[in-house]
mmCIF file of all heavy atoms, coordinates in Angstrom:
data_MODEL
# 
_entry.id   MODEL 
# 
loop_
_atom_site.group_PDB 
_atom_site.id 
_atom_site.type_symbol 
_atom_site.label_atom_id 
_atom_site.label_alt_id 
_atom_site.label_comp_id 
_atom_site.label_asym_id 
_atom_site.label_entity_id 
_atom_site.label_seq_id 
_atom_site.pdbx_PDB_ins_code 
_atom_site.Cartn_x 
_atom_site.Cartn_y 
_atom_site.Cartn_z 
_atom_site.occupancy 
_atom_site.B_iso_or_equiv 
_atom_site.pdbx_formal_charge 
_atom_site.auth_seq_id 
_atom_site.auth_comp_id 
_atom_site.auth_asym_id 
_atom_site.auth_atom_id 
_atom_site.pdbx_PDB_model_num 
ATOM 1   N N   . VAL A 1 1  ? -6.353  18.247 -1.787  1.00 0.00 ? 1  VAL A N   1 
ATOM 2   C CA  . VAL A 1 1  ? -7.560  18.337 -2.598  1.00 0.00 ? 1  VAL A CA  1 
ATOM 3   C C   . VAL A 1 1  ? -7.992  16.931 -2.980  1.00 0.00 ? 1  VAL A C   1 
ATOM 4   O O   . VAL A 1 1  ? -7.198  16.145 -3.497  1.00 0.00 ? 1  VAL A O   1 
ATOM 5   C CB  . VAL A 1 1  ? -7.313  19.170 -3.882  1.00 0.00 ? 1  VAL A CB  1 
ATOM 6   C CG1 . VAL A 1 1  ? -8.576  19.231 -4.731  1.00 0.00 ? 1  VAL A CG1 1 
ATOM 7   C CG2 . VAL A 1 1  ? -6.825  20.571 -3.531  1.00 0.00 ? 1  VAL A CG2 1 
ATOM 8   N N   . LYS A 1 2  ? -9.255  16.613 -2.716  1.00 0.00 ? 2  LYS A N   1 
ATOM 9   C CA  . LYS A 1 2  ? -9.809  15.314 -3.093  1.00 0.00 ? 2  LYS A CA  1 
ATOM 10  C C   . LYS A 1 2  ? -11.085 15.525 -3.881  1.00 0.00 ? 2  LYS A C   1 
ATOM 11  O O   . LYS A 1 2  ? -11.950 16.309 -3.489  1.00 0.00 ? 2  LYS A O   1 
ATOM 12  C CB  . LYS A 1 2  ? -10.125 14.463 -1.848  1.00 0.00 ? 2  LYS A CB  1 
ATOM 13  C CG  . LYS A 1 2  ? -8.907  13.938 -1.148  1.00 0.00 ? 2  LYS A CG  1 
ATOM 14  C CD  . LYS A 1 2  ? -8.181  12.950 -2.017  1.00 0.00 ? 2  LYS A CD  1 
ATOM 15  C CE  . LYS A 1 2  ? -7.000  12.345 -1.304  1.00 0.00 ? 2  LYS A CE  1 
ATOM 16  N NZ  . LYS A 1 2  ? -6.209  11.503 -2.191  1.00 0.00 ? 2  LYS A NZ  1 
ATOM 17  N N   . TYR A 1 3  ? -11.200 14.796 -4.984  1.00 0.00 ? 3  TYR A N   1 
ATOM 18  C CA  . TYR A 1 3  ? -12.359 14.912 -5.863  1.00 0.00 ? 3  TYR A CA  1 
ATOM 19  C C   . TYR A 1 3  ? -13.042 13.556 -6.002  1.00 0.00 ? 3  TYR A C   1 
ATOM 20  O O   . TYR A 1 3  ? -12.381 12.523 -6.100  1.00 0.00 ? 3  TYR A O   1 
ATOM 21  C CB  . TYR A 1 3  ? -11.928 15.396 -7.245  1.00 0.00 ? 3  TYR A CB  1 
ATOM 22  C CG  . TYR A 1 3  ? -13.000 15.251 -8.296  1.00 0.00 ? 3  TYR A CG  1 
ATOM 23  C CD1 . TYR A 1 3  ? -14.055 16.145 -8.355  1.00 0.00 ? 3  TYR A CD1 1 
ATOM 24  C CD2 . TYR A 1 3  ? -12.977 14.212 -9.210  1.00 0.00 ? 3  TYR A CD2 1 
ATOM 25  C CE1 . TYR A 1 3  ? -15.059 16.007 -9.293  1.00 0.00 ? 3  TYR A CE1 1 
ATOM 26  C CE2 . TYR A 1 3  ? -13.970 14.060 -10.158 1.00 0.00 ? 3  TYR A CE2 1 
ATOM 27  C CZ  . TYR A 1 3  ? -15.012 14.959 -10.197 1.00 0.00 ? 3  TYR A CZ  1 
ATOM 28  O OH  . TYR A 1 3  ? -16.007 14.804 -11.120 1.00 0.00 ? 3  TYR A OH  1 
ATOM 29  N N   . ARG A 1 4  ? -14.353 13.588 -6.030  1.00 0.00 ? 4  ARG A N   1 
ATOM 30  C CA  . ARG A 1 4  ? -15.167 12.416 -6.364  1.00 0.00 ? 4  ARG A CA  1 
ATOM 31  C C   . ARG A 1 4  ? -16.295 12.891 -7.273  1.00 0.00 ? 4  ARG A C   1 
ATOM 32  O O   . ARG A 1 4  ? -16.905 13.930 -7.033  1.00 0.00 ? 4  ARG A O   1 
ATOM 33  C CB  . ARG A 1 4  ? -15.784 11.772 -5.117  1.00 0.00 ? 4  ARG A CB  1 
ATOM 34  C CG  . ARG A 1 4  ? -14.795 11.226 -4.113  1.00 0.00 ? 4  ARG A CG  1 
ATOM 35  C CD  . ARG A 1 4  ? -14.148 9.941  -4.598  1.00 0.00 ? 4  ARG A CD  1 
ATOM 36  N NE  . ARG A 1 4  ? -13.304 9.351  -3.579  1.00 0.00 ? 4  ARG A NE  1 
ATOM 37  C CZ  . ARG A 1 4  ? -11.995 9.535  -3.476  1.00 0.00 ? 4  ARG A CZ  1 
ATOM 38  N NH1 . ARG A 1 4  ? -11.377 10.337 -4.319  1.00 0.00 ? 4  ARG A NH1 1 
ATOM 39  N NH2 . ARG A 1 4  ? -11.287 8.942  -2.539  1.00 0.00 ? 4  ARG A NH2 1 
ATOM 40  N N   . ARG A 1 5  ? -16.550 12.113 -8.292  1.00 0.00 ? 5  ARG A N   1 
ATOM 41  C CA  . ARG A 1 5  ? -17.635 12.442 -9.223  1.00 0.00 ? 5  ARG A CA  1 
ATOM 42  C C   . ARG A 1 5  ? -18.989 12.321 -8.538  1.00 0.00 ? 5  ARG A C   1 
ATOM 43  O O   . ARG A 1 5  ? -19.892 13.110 -8.762  1.00 0.00 ? 5  ARG A O   1 
ATOM 44  C CB  . ARG A 1 5  ? -17.565 11.502 -10.426 1.00 0.00 ? 5  ARG A CB  1 
ATOM 45  C CG  . ARG A 1 5  ? -18.582 11.814 -11.493 1.00 0.00 ? 5  ARG A CG  1 
ATOM 46  C CD  . ARG A 1 5  ? -18.436 10.927 -12.694 1.00 0.00 ? 5  ARG A CD  1 
ATOM 47  N NE  . ARG A 1 5  ? -17.036 10.957 -13.130 1.00 0.00 ? 5  ARG A NE  1 
ATOM 48  C CZ  . ARG A 1 5  ? -16.438 9.987  -13.796 1.00 0.00 ? 5  ARG A CZ  1 
ATOM 49  N NH1 . ARG A 1 5  ? -17.091 8.888  -14.103 1.00 0.00 ? 5  ARG A NH1 1 
ATOM 50  N NH2 . ARG A 1 5  ? -15.176 10.087 -14.152 1.00 0.00 ? 5  ARG A NH2 1 
ATOM 51  N N   . GLY A 1 6  ? -19.099 11.287 -7.685  1.00 0.00 ? 6  GLY A N   1 
ATOM 52  C CA  . GLY A 1 6  ? -20.350 11.048 -6.971  1.00 0.00 ? 6  GLY A CA  1 
ATOM 53  C C   . GLY A 1 6  ? -20.061 10.350 -5.656  1.00 0.00 ? 6  GLY A C   1 
ATOM 54  O O   . GLY A 1 6  ? -18.901 10.155 -5.279  1.00 0.00 ? 6  GLY A O   1 
ATOM 55  N N   . ASN A 1 7  ? -21.116 9.946  -4.957  1.00 0.00 ? 7  ASN A N   1 
ATOM 56  C CA  . ASN A 1 7  ? -20.973 9.330  -3.636  1.00 0.00 ? 7  ASN A CA  1 
ATOM 57  C C   . ASN A 1 7  ? -20.589 7.852  -3.667  1.00 0.00 ? 7  ASN A C   1 
ATOM 58  O O   . ASN A 1 7  ? -20.381 7.261  -2.619  1.00 0.00 ? 7  ASN A O   1 
ATOM 59  C CB  . ASN A 1 7  ? -22.282 9.465  -2.856  1.00 0.00 ? 7  ASN A CB  1 
ATOM 60  C CG  . ASN A 1 7  ? -22.432 10.841 -2.257  1.00 0.00 ? 7  ASN A CG  1 
ATOM 61  O OD1 . ASN A 1 7  ? -21.469 11.417 -1.767  1.00 0.00 ? 7  ASN A OD1 1 
ATOM 62  N ND2 . ASN A 1 7  ? -23.639 11.374 -2.307  1.00 0.00 ? 7  ASN A ND2 1 
ATOM 63  N N   . ALA A 1 8  ? -20.517 7.232  -4.836  1.00 0.00 ? 8  ALA A N   1 
ATOM 64  C CA  . ALA A 1 8  ? -20.257 5.795  -4.928  1.00 0.00 ? 8  ALA A CA  1 
ATOM 65  C C   . ALA A 1 8  ? -18.973 5.389  -4.211  1.00 0.00 ? 8  ALA A C   1 
ATOM 66  O O   . ALA A 1 8  ? -18.912 4.331  -3.594  1.00 0.00 ? 8  ALA A O   1 
ATOM 67  C CB  . ALA A 1 8  ? -20.208 5.357  -6.385  1.00 0.00 ? 8  ALA A CB  1 
ATOM 68  N N   . GLN A 1 9  ? -17.951 6.216  -4.262  1.00 0.00 ? 9  GLN A N   1 
ATOM 69  C CA  . GLN A 1 9  ? -16.683 5.914  -3.593  1.00 0.00 ? 9  GLN A CA  1 
ATOM 70  C C   . GLN A 1 9  ? -16.578 6.620  -2.239  1.00 0.00 ? 9  GLN A C   1 
ATOM 71  O O   . GLN A 1 9  ? -15.503 6.659  -1.651  1.00 0.00 ? 9  GLN A O   1 
ATOM 72  C CB  . GLN A 1 9  ? -15.502 6.329  -4.473  1.00 0.00 ? 9  GLN A CB  1 
ATOM 73  C CG  . GLN A 1 9  ? -15.381 5.492  -5.722  1.00 0.00 ? 9  GLN A CG  1 
ATOM 74  C CD  . GLN A 1 9  ? -14.207 5.955  -6.556  1.00 0.00 ? 9  GLN A CD  1 
ATOM 75  O OE1 . GLN A 1 9  ? -14.097 7.131  -6.885  1.00 0.00 ? 9  GLN A OE1 1 
ATOM 76  N NE2 . GLN A 1 9  ? -13.346 5.030  -6.898  1.00 0.00 ? 9  GLN A NE2 1 
ATOM 77  N N   . GLY A 1 10 ? -17.657 7.179  -1.775  1.00 0.00 ? 10 GLY A N   1 
ATOM 78  C CA  . GLY A 1 10 ? -17.652 7.873  -0.499  1.00 0.00 ? 10 GLY A CA  1 
ATOM 79  C C   . GLY A 1 10 ? -17.349 9.353  -0.665  1.00 0.00 ? 10 GLY A C   1 
ATOM 80  O O   . GLY A 1 10 ? -16.996 9.820  -1.743  1.00 0.00 ? 10 GLY A O   1 
ATOM 81  N N   . ASN A 1 11 ? -17.493 10.061 0.409   1.00 0.00 ? 11 ASN A N   1 
ATOM 82  C CA  . ASN A 1 11 ? -17.221 11.493 0.403   1.00 0.00 ? 11 ASN A CA  1 
ATOM 83  C C   . ASN A 1 11 ? -15.724 11.720 0.238   1.00 0.00 ? 11 ASN A C   1 
ATOM 84  O O   . ASN A 1 11 ? -14.921 11.045 0.881   1.00 0.00 ? 11 ASN A O   1 
ATOM 85  C CB  . ASN A 1 11 ? -17.710 12.104 1.717   1.00 0.00 ? 11 ASN A CB  1 
ATOM 86  C CG  . ASN A 1 11 ? -17.653 13.609 1.705   1.00 0.00 ? 11 ASN A CG  1 
ATOM 87  O OD1 . ASN A 1 11 ? -16.577 14.188 1.613   1.00 0.00 ? 11 ASN A OD1 1 
ATOM 88  N ND2 . ASN A 1 11 ? -18.803 14.239 1.793   1.00 0.00 ? 11 ASN A ND2 1 
ATOM 89  N N   . PRO A 1 12 ? -15.325 12.666 -0.595  1.00 0.00 ? 12 PRO A N   1 
ATOM 90  C CA  . PRO A 1 12 ? -13.892 12.891 -0.801  1.00 0.00 ? 12 PRO A CA  1 
ATOM 91  C C   . PRO A 1 12 ? -13.145 13.291 0.472   1.00 0.00 ? 12 PRO A C   1 
ATOM 92  O O   . PRO A 1 12 ? -11.965 12.970 0.636   1.00 0.00 ? 12 PRO A O   1 
ATOM 93  C CB  . PRO A 1 12 ? -13.836 14.006 -1.844  1.00 0.00 ? 12 PRO A CB  1 
ATOM 94  C CG  . PRO A 1 12 ? -15.180 14.629 -1.838  1.00 0.00 ? 12 PRO A CG  1 
ATOM 95  C CD  . PRO A 1 12 ? -16.140 13.574 -1.401  1.00 0.00 ? 12 PRO A CD  1 
ATOM 96  N N   . LEU A 1 13 ? -13.819 13.943 1.390   1.00 0.00 ? 13 LEU A N   1 
ATOM 97  C CA  . LEU A 1 13 ? -13.176 14.354 2.640   1.00 0.00 ? 13 LEU A CA  1 
ATOM 98  C C   . LEU A 1 13 ? -12.752 13.150 3.478   1.00 0.00 ? 13 LEU A C   1 
ATOM 99  O O   . LEU A 1 13 ? -11.768 13.213 4.211   1.00 0.00 ? 13 LEU A O   1 
ATOM 100 C CB  . LEU A 1 13 ? -14.108 15.261 3.446   1.00 0.00 ? 13 LEU A CB  1 
ATOM 101 C CG  . LEU A 1 13 ? -14.479 16.581 2.776   1.00 0.00 ? 13 LEU A CG  1 
ATOM 102 C CD1 . LEU A 1 13 ? -15.568 17.296 3.566   1.00 0.00 ? 13 LEU A CD1 1 
ATOM 103 C CD2 . LEU A 1 13 ? -13.259 17.472 2.594   1.00 0.00 ? 13 LEU A CD2 1 
ATOM 104 N N   . GLU A 1 14 ? -13.479 12.039 3.351   1.00 0.00 ? 14 GLU A N   1 
ATOM 105 C CA  . GLU A 1 14 ? -13.159 10.833 4.110   1.00 0.00 ? 14 GLU A CA  1 
ATOM 106 C C   . GLU A 1 14 ? -11.880 10.161 3.617   1.00 0.00 ? 14 GLU A C   1 
ATOM 107 O O   . GLU A 1 14 ? -11.308 9.330  4.315   1.00 0.00 ? 14 GLU A O   1 
ATOM 108 C CB  . GLU A 1 14 ? -14.323 9.845  4.033   1.00 0.00 ? 14 GLU A CB  1 
ATOM 109 C CG  . GLU A 1 14 ? -15.583 10.351 4.686   1.00 0.00 ? 14 GLU A CG  1 
ATOM 110 C CD  . GLU A 1 14 ? -16.792 9.495  4.370   1.00 0.00 ? 14 GLU A CD  1 
ATOM 111 O OE1 . GLU A 1 14 ? -16.697 8.587  3.507   1.00 0.00 ? 14 GLU A OE1 1 
ATOM 112 O OE2 . GLU A 1 14 ? -17.844 9.739  4.974   1.00 0.00 ? 14 GLU A OE2 1 
ATOM 113 N N   . ALA A 1 15 ? -11.415 10.527 2.433   1.00 0.00 ? 15 ALA A N   1 
ATOM 114 C CA  . ALA A 1 15 ? -10.227 9.898  1.855   1.00 0.00 ? 15 ALA A CA  1 
ATOM 115 C C   . ALA A 1 15 ? -8.934  10.391 2.505   1.00 0.00 ? 15 ALA A C   1 
ATOM 116 O O   . ALA A 1 15 ? -7.874  9.799  2.293   1.00 0.00 ? 15 ALA A O   1 
ATOM 117 C CB  . ALA A 1 15 ? -10.188 10.155 0.354   1.00 0.00 ? 15 ALA A CB  1 
ATOM 118 N N   . VAL A 1 16 ? -9.010  11.438 3.292   1.00 0.00 ? 16 VAL A N   1 
ATOM 119 C CA  . VAL A 1 16 ? -7.815  11.967 3.948   1.00 0.00 ? 16 VAL A CA  1 
ATOM 120 C C   . VAL A 1 16 ? -7.742  11.349 5.350   1.00 0.00 ? 16 VAL A C   1 
ATOM 121 O O   . VAL A 1 16 ? -8.095  11.964 6.345   1.00 0.00 ? 16 VAL A O   1 
ATOM 122 C CB  . VAL A 1 16 ? -7.816  13.512 3.982   1.00 0.00 ? 16 VAL A CB  1 
ATOM 123 C CG1 . VAL A 1 16 ? -6.503  14.039 4.547   1.00 0.00 ? 16 VAL A CG1 1 
ATOM 124 C CG2 . VAL A 1 16 ? -8.061  14.080 2.593   1.00 0.00 ? 16 VAL A CG2 1 
ATOM 125 N N   . ASP A 1 17 ? -7.281  10.108 5.371   1.00 0.00 ? 17 ASP A N   1 
ATOM 126 C CA  . ASP A 1 17 ? -7.209  9.353  6.627   1.00 0.00 ? 17 ASP A CA  1 
ATOM 127 C C   . ASP A 1 17 ? -5.937  9.702  7.398   1.00 0.00 ? 17 ASP A C   1 
ATOM 128 O O   . ASP A 1 17 ? -5.134  10.534 6.967   1.00 0.00 ? 17 ASP A O   1 
ATOM 129 C CB  . ASP A 1 17 ? -7.296  7.855  6.358   1.00 0.00 ? 17 ASP A CB  1 
ATOM 130 C CG  . ASP A 1 17 ? -6.166  7.348  5.452   1.00 0.00 ? 17 ASP A CG  1 
ATOM 131 O OD1 . ASP A 1 17 ? -5.203  8.089  5.186   1.00 0.00 ? 17 ASP A OD1 1 
ATOM 132 O OD2 . ASP A 1 17 ? -6.270  6.188  5.003   1.00 0.00 ? 17 ASP A OD2 1 
ATOM 133 N N   . PHE A 1 18 ? -5.752  9.043  8.530   1.00 0.00 ? 18 PHE A N   1 
ATOM 134 C CA  . PHE A 1 18 ? -4.608  9.350  9.390   1.00 0.00 ? 18 PHE A CA  1 
ATOM 135 C C   . PHE A 1 18 ? -3.286  9.156  8.661   1.00 0.00 ? 18 PHE A C   1 
ATOM 136 O O   . PHE A 1 18 ? -2.370  9.958  8.801   1.00 0.00 ? 18 PHE A O   1 
ATOM 137 C CB  . PHE A 1 18 ? -4.653  8.505  10.674  1.00 0.00 ? 18 PHE A CB  1 
ATOM 138 C CG  . PHE A 1 18 ? -3.467  8.748  11.556  1.00 0.00 ? 18 PHE A CG  1 
ATOM 139 C CD1 . PHE A 1 18 ? -3.380  9.902  12.328  1.00 0.00 ? 18 PHE A CD1 1 
ATOM 140 C CD2 . PHE A 1 18 ? -2.415  7.845  11.599  1.00 0.00 ? 18 PHE A CD2 1 
ATOM 141 C CE1 . PHE A 1 18 ? -2.273  10.141 13.132  1.00 0.00 ? 18 PHE A CE1 1 
ATOM 142 C CE2 . PHE A 1 18 ? -1.306  8.081  12.392  1.00 0.00 ? 18 PHE A CE2 1 
ATOM 143 C CZ  . PHE A 1 18 ? -1.241  9.228  13.166  1.00 0.00 ? 18 PHE A CZ  1 
ATOM 144 N N   . ARG A 1 19 ? -3.170  8.085  7.895   1.00 0.00 ? 19 ARG A N   1 
ATOM 145 C CA  . ARG A 1 19 ? -1.918  7.818  7.182   1.00 0.00 ? 19 ARG A CA  1 
ATOM 146 C C   . ARG A 1 19 ? -1.608  8.920  6.165   1.00 0.00 ? 19 ARG A C   1 
ATOM 147 O O   . ARG A 1 19 ? -0.478  9.378  6.063   1.00 0.00 ? 19 ARG A O   1 
ATOM 148 C CB  . ARG A 1 19 ? -1.987  6.456  6.496   1.00 0.00 ? 19 ARG A CB  1 
ATOM 149 C CG  . ARG A 1 19 ? -0.630  5.977  6.037   1.00 0.00 ? 19 ARG A CG  1 
ATOM 150 C CD  . ARG A 1 19 ? -0.608  4.517  5.761   1.00 0.00 ? 19 ARG A CD  1 
ATOM 151 N NE  . ARG A 1 19 ? -1.270  4.248  4.497   1.00 0.00 ? 19 ARG A NE  1 
ATOM 152 C CZ  . ARG A 1 19 ? -1.622  3.053  4.086   1.00 0.00 ? 19 ARG A CZ  1 
ATOM 153 N NH1 . ARG A 1 19 ? -1.401  2.004  4.844   1.00 0.00 ? 19 ARG A NH1 1 
ATOM 154 N NH2 . ARG A 1 19 ? -2.195  2.888  2.923   1.00 0.00 ? 19 ARG A NH2 1 
ATOM 155 N N   . LYS A 1 20 ? -2.632  9.379  5.451   1.00 0.00 ? 20 LYS A N   1 
ATOM 156 C CA  . LYS A 1 20 ? -2.452  10.470 4.494   1.00 0.00 ? 20 LYS A CA  1 
ATOM 157 C C   . LYS A 1 20 ? -2.090  11.758 5.235   1.00 0.00 ? 20 LYS A C   1 
ATOM 158 O O   . LYS A 1 20 ? -1.223  12.519 4.799   1.00 0.00 ? 20 LYS A O   1 
ATOM 159 C CB  . LYS A 1 20 ? -3.737  10.658 3.668   1.00 0.00 ? 20 LYS A CB  1 
ATOM 160 C CG  . LYS A 1 20 ? -3.652  11.735 2.621   1.00 0.00 ? 20 LYS A CG  1 
ATOM 161 C CD  . LYS A 1 20 ? -2.726  11.319 1.508   1.00 0.00 ? 20 LYS A CD  1 
ATOM 162 C CE  . LYS A 1 20 ? -2.781  12.320 0.372   1.00 0.00 ? 20 LYS A CE  1 
ATOM 163 N NZ  . LYS A 1 20 ? -1.771  12.052 -0.643  1.00 0.00 ? 20 LYS A NZ  1 
ATOM 164 N N   . GLN A 1 21 ? -2.735  12.018 6.348   1.00 0.00 ? 21 GLN A N   1 
ATOM 165 C CA  . GLN A 1 21 ? -2.420  13.200 7.150   1.00 0.00 ? 21 GLN A CA  1 
ATOM 166 C C   . GLN A 1 21 ? -0.965  13.177 7.600   1.00 0.00 ? 21 GLN A C   1 
ATOM 167 O O   . GLN A 1 21 ? -0.278  14.194 7.551   1.00 0.00 ? 21 GLN A O   1 
ATOM 168 C CB  . GLN A 1 21 ? -3.341  13.268 8.371   1.00 0.00 ? 21 GLN A CB  1 
ATOM 169 C CG  . GLN A 1 21 ? -4.774  13.539 8.037   1.00 0.00 ? 21 GLN A CG  1 
ATOM 170 C CD  . GLN A 1 21 ? -5.686  13.415 9.236   1.00 0.00 ? 21 GLN A CD  1 
ATOM 171 O OE1 . GLN A 1 21 ? -5.243  13.459 10.388  1.00 0.00 ? 21 GLN A OE1 1 
ATOM 172 N NE2 . GLN A 1 21 ? -6.975  13.252 8.981   1.00 0.00 ? 21 GLN A NE2 1 
ATOM 173 N N   . ARG A 1 22 ? -0.485  12.029 8.014   1.00 0.00 ? 22 ARG A N   1 
ATOM 174 C CA  . ARG A 1 22 ? 0.899   11.892 8.467   1.00 0.00 ? 22 ARG A CA  1 
ATOM 175 C C   . ARG A 1 22 ? 1.873   12.190 7.327   1.00 0.00 ? 22 ARG A C   1 
ATOM 176 O O   . ARG A 1 22 ? 2.867   12.884 7.520   1.00 0.00 ? 22 ARG A O   1 
ATOM 177 C CB  . ARG A 1 22 ? 1.107   10.478 9.021   1.00 0.00 ? 22 ARG A CB  1 
ATOM 178 C CG  . ARG A 1 22 ? 2.504   10.192 9.496   1.00 0.00 ? 22 ARG A CG  1 
ATOM 179 C CD  . ARG A 1 22 ? 2.800   11.025 10.752  1.00 0.00 ? 22 ARG A CD  1 
ATOM 180 N NE  . ARG A 1 22 ? 4.179   10.908 11.121  1.00 0.00 ? 22 ARG A NE  1 
ATOM 181 C CZ  . ARG A 1 22 ? 4.642   10.117 12.066  1.00 0.00 ? 22 ARG A CZ  1 
ATOM 182 N NH1 . ARG A 1 22 ? 3.824   9.362  12.750  1.00 0.00 ? 22 ARG A NH1 1 
ATOM 183 N NH2 . ARG A 1 22 ? 5.925   10.099 12.329  1.00 0.00 ? 22 ARG A NH2 1 
ATOM 184 N N   . ARG A 1 23 ? 1.573   11.692 6.153   1.00 0.00 ? 23 ARG A N   1 
ATOM 185 C CA  . ARG A 1 23 ? 2.439   11.944 4.997   1.00 0.00 ? 23 ARG A CA  1 
ATOM 186 C C   . ARG A 1 23 ? 2.467   13.426 4.634   1.00 0.00 ? 23 ARG A C   1 
ATOM 187 O O   . ARG A 1 23 ? 3.517   13.978 4.315   1.00 0.00 ? 23 ARG A O   1 
ATOM 188 C CB  . ARG A 1 23 ? 1.991   11.112 3.802   1.00 0.00 ? 23 ARG A CB  1 
ATOM 189 C CG  . ARG A 1 23 ? 2.329   9.665  3.941   1.00 0.00 ? 23 ARG A CG  1 
ATOM 190 C CD  . ARG A 1 23 ? 1.965   8.910  2.707   1.00 0.00 ? 23 ARG A CD  1 
ATOM 191 N NE  . ARG A 1 23 ? 2.551   7.585  2.757   1.00 0.00 ? 23 ARG A NE  1 
ATOM 192 C CZ  . ARG A 1 23 ? 2.453   6.701  1.818   1.00 0.00 ? 23 ARG A CZ  1 
ATOM 193 N NH1 . ARG A 1 23 ? 1.798   6.990  0.713   1.00 0.00 ? 23 ARG A NH1 1 
ATOM 194 N NH2 . ARG A 1 23 ? 3.007   5.524  1.944   1.00 0.00 ? 23 ARG A NH2 1 
ATOM 195 N N   . ILE A 1 24 ? 1.321   14.066 4.683   1.00 0.00 ? 24 ILE A N   1 
ATOM 196 C CA  . ILE A 1 24 ? 1.249   15.504 4.377   1.00 0.00 ? 24 ILE A CA  1 
ATOM 197 C C   . ILE A 1 24 ? 2.021   16.299 5.426   1.00 0.00 ? 24 ILE A C   1 
ATOM 198 O O   . ILE A 1 24 ? 2.768   17.230 5.093   1.00 0.00 ? 24 ILE A O   1 
ATOM 199 C CB  . ILE A 1 24 ? -0.220  15.966 4.292   1.00 0.00 ? 24 ILE A CB  1 
ATOM 200 C CG1 . ILE A 1 24 ? -0.902  15.323 3.081   1.00 0.00 ? 24 ILE A CG1 1 
ATOM 201 C CG2 . ILE A 1 24 ? -0.311  17.486 4.221   1.00 0.00 ? 24 ILE A CG2 1 
ATOM 202 C CD1 . ILE A 1 24 ? -2.408  15.474 3.067   1.00 0.00 ? 24 ILE A CD1 1 
# 
C-alpha cells in the first residue's frame, strides 16, 4: 500500500520499484 497526499511526490504506484518488489 502506497499513499500520497498529492502528485508533488509522484504517483504512489510508481514508488513500488524493482528493489521494493524484490524485497516483498
